[in-house]
Amino acid sequence: GVLARAALAAVVDPVLRAAGAAPLADATDGQPREVGA
């Protein structure tokens, strides 16, 4: 449900940011490195 999704997002979001949201954002920002687009 909505609460489960919100809880999951609350846990996953900071983890993804810490694990490399910046490199991922760079890759999707016109310079595909590991995405292969």
C-alpha atoms as a PDB file:
ATOM      1  CA  GLY A   1       0.000   0.000   0.000  1.00  0.00           C
ATOM      2  CA  VAL A   2       0.894   3.672   0.218  1.00  0.00           C
ATOM      3  CA  LEU A   3       2.503   3.389   3.646  1.00  0.00           C
ATOM      4  CA  ALA A   4       4.668   0.479   2.578  1.00  0.00           C
ATOM      5  CA  ARG A   5       5.761   2.376  -0.511  1.00  0.00           C
ATOM      6  CA  ALA A   6       6.560   5.485   1.531  1.00  0.00           C
ATOM      7  CA  ALA A   7       8.528   3.448   4.056  1.00  0.00           C
ATOM      8  CA  LEU A   8      10.436   1.709   1.286  1.00  0.00           C
ATOM      9  CA  ALA A   9      11.222   5.028  -0.370  1.00  0.00           C
ATOM     10  CA  ALA A  10      12.368   6.477   2.956  1.00  0.00           C
ATOM     11  CA  VAL A  11      14.849   3.624   3.324  1.00  0.00           C
ATOM     12  CA  VAL A  12      15.974   3.224  -0.279  1.00  0.00           C
ATOM     13  CA  ASP A  13      16.315   6.884  -1.257  1.00  0.00           C
ATOM     14  CA  PRO A  14      19.164   7.832   1.137  1.00  0.00           C
ATOM     15  CA  VAL A  15      20.885   4.529   0.398  1.00  0.00           C
ATOM     16  CA  LEU A  16      20.796   5.170  -3.343  1.00  0.00           C
ATOM     17  CA  ARG A  17      22.058   8.701  -2.835  1.00  0.00           C
ATOM     18  CA  ALA A  18      24.918   7.490  -0.659  1.00  0.00           C
ATOM     19  CA  ALA A  19      25.714   4.660  -3.064  1.00  0.00           C
ATOM     20  CA  GLY A  20      26.084   6.938  -6.053  1.00  0.00           C
ATOM     21  CA  ALA A  21      23.090   9.004  -7.047  1.00  0.00           C
ATOM     22  CA  ALA A  22      25.484  11.705  -8.227  1.00  0.00           C
ATOM     23  CA  PRO A  23      27.339   9.417 -10.682  1.00  0.00           C
ATOM     24  CA  LEU A  24      23.975   8.089 -11.848  1.00  0.00           C
ATOM     25  CA  ALA A  25      22.697  11.623 -12.391  1.00  0.00           C
ATOM     26  CA  ASP A  26      25.866  12.436 -14.325  1.00  0.00           C
ATOM     27  CA  ALA A  27      25.410   9.341 -16.471  1.00  0.00           C
ATOM     28  CA  THR A  28      21.851  10.289 -17.359  1.00  0.00           C
ATOM     29  CA  ASP A  29      22.806  13.918 -17.960  1.00  0.00           C
ATOM     30  CA  GLY A  30      23.973  13.425 -21.530  1.00  0.00           C
ATOM     31  CA  GLN A  31      27.148  11.491 -20.745  1.00  0.00           C
ATOM     32  CA  PRO A  32      26.152   7.808 -20.613  1.00  0.00           C
ATOM     33  CA  ARG A  33      28.951   5.954 -18.838  1.00  0.00           C
ATOM     34  CA  GLU A  34      27.426   2.777 -17.454  1.00  0.00           C
ATOM     35  CA  VAL A  35      23.887   3.138 -18.719  1.00  0.00           C
ATOM     36  CA  GLY A  36      24.606   2.377 -22.349  1.00  0.00           C
ATOM     37  CA  ALA A  37      22.017   4.739 -23.803  1.00  0.00           C
END
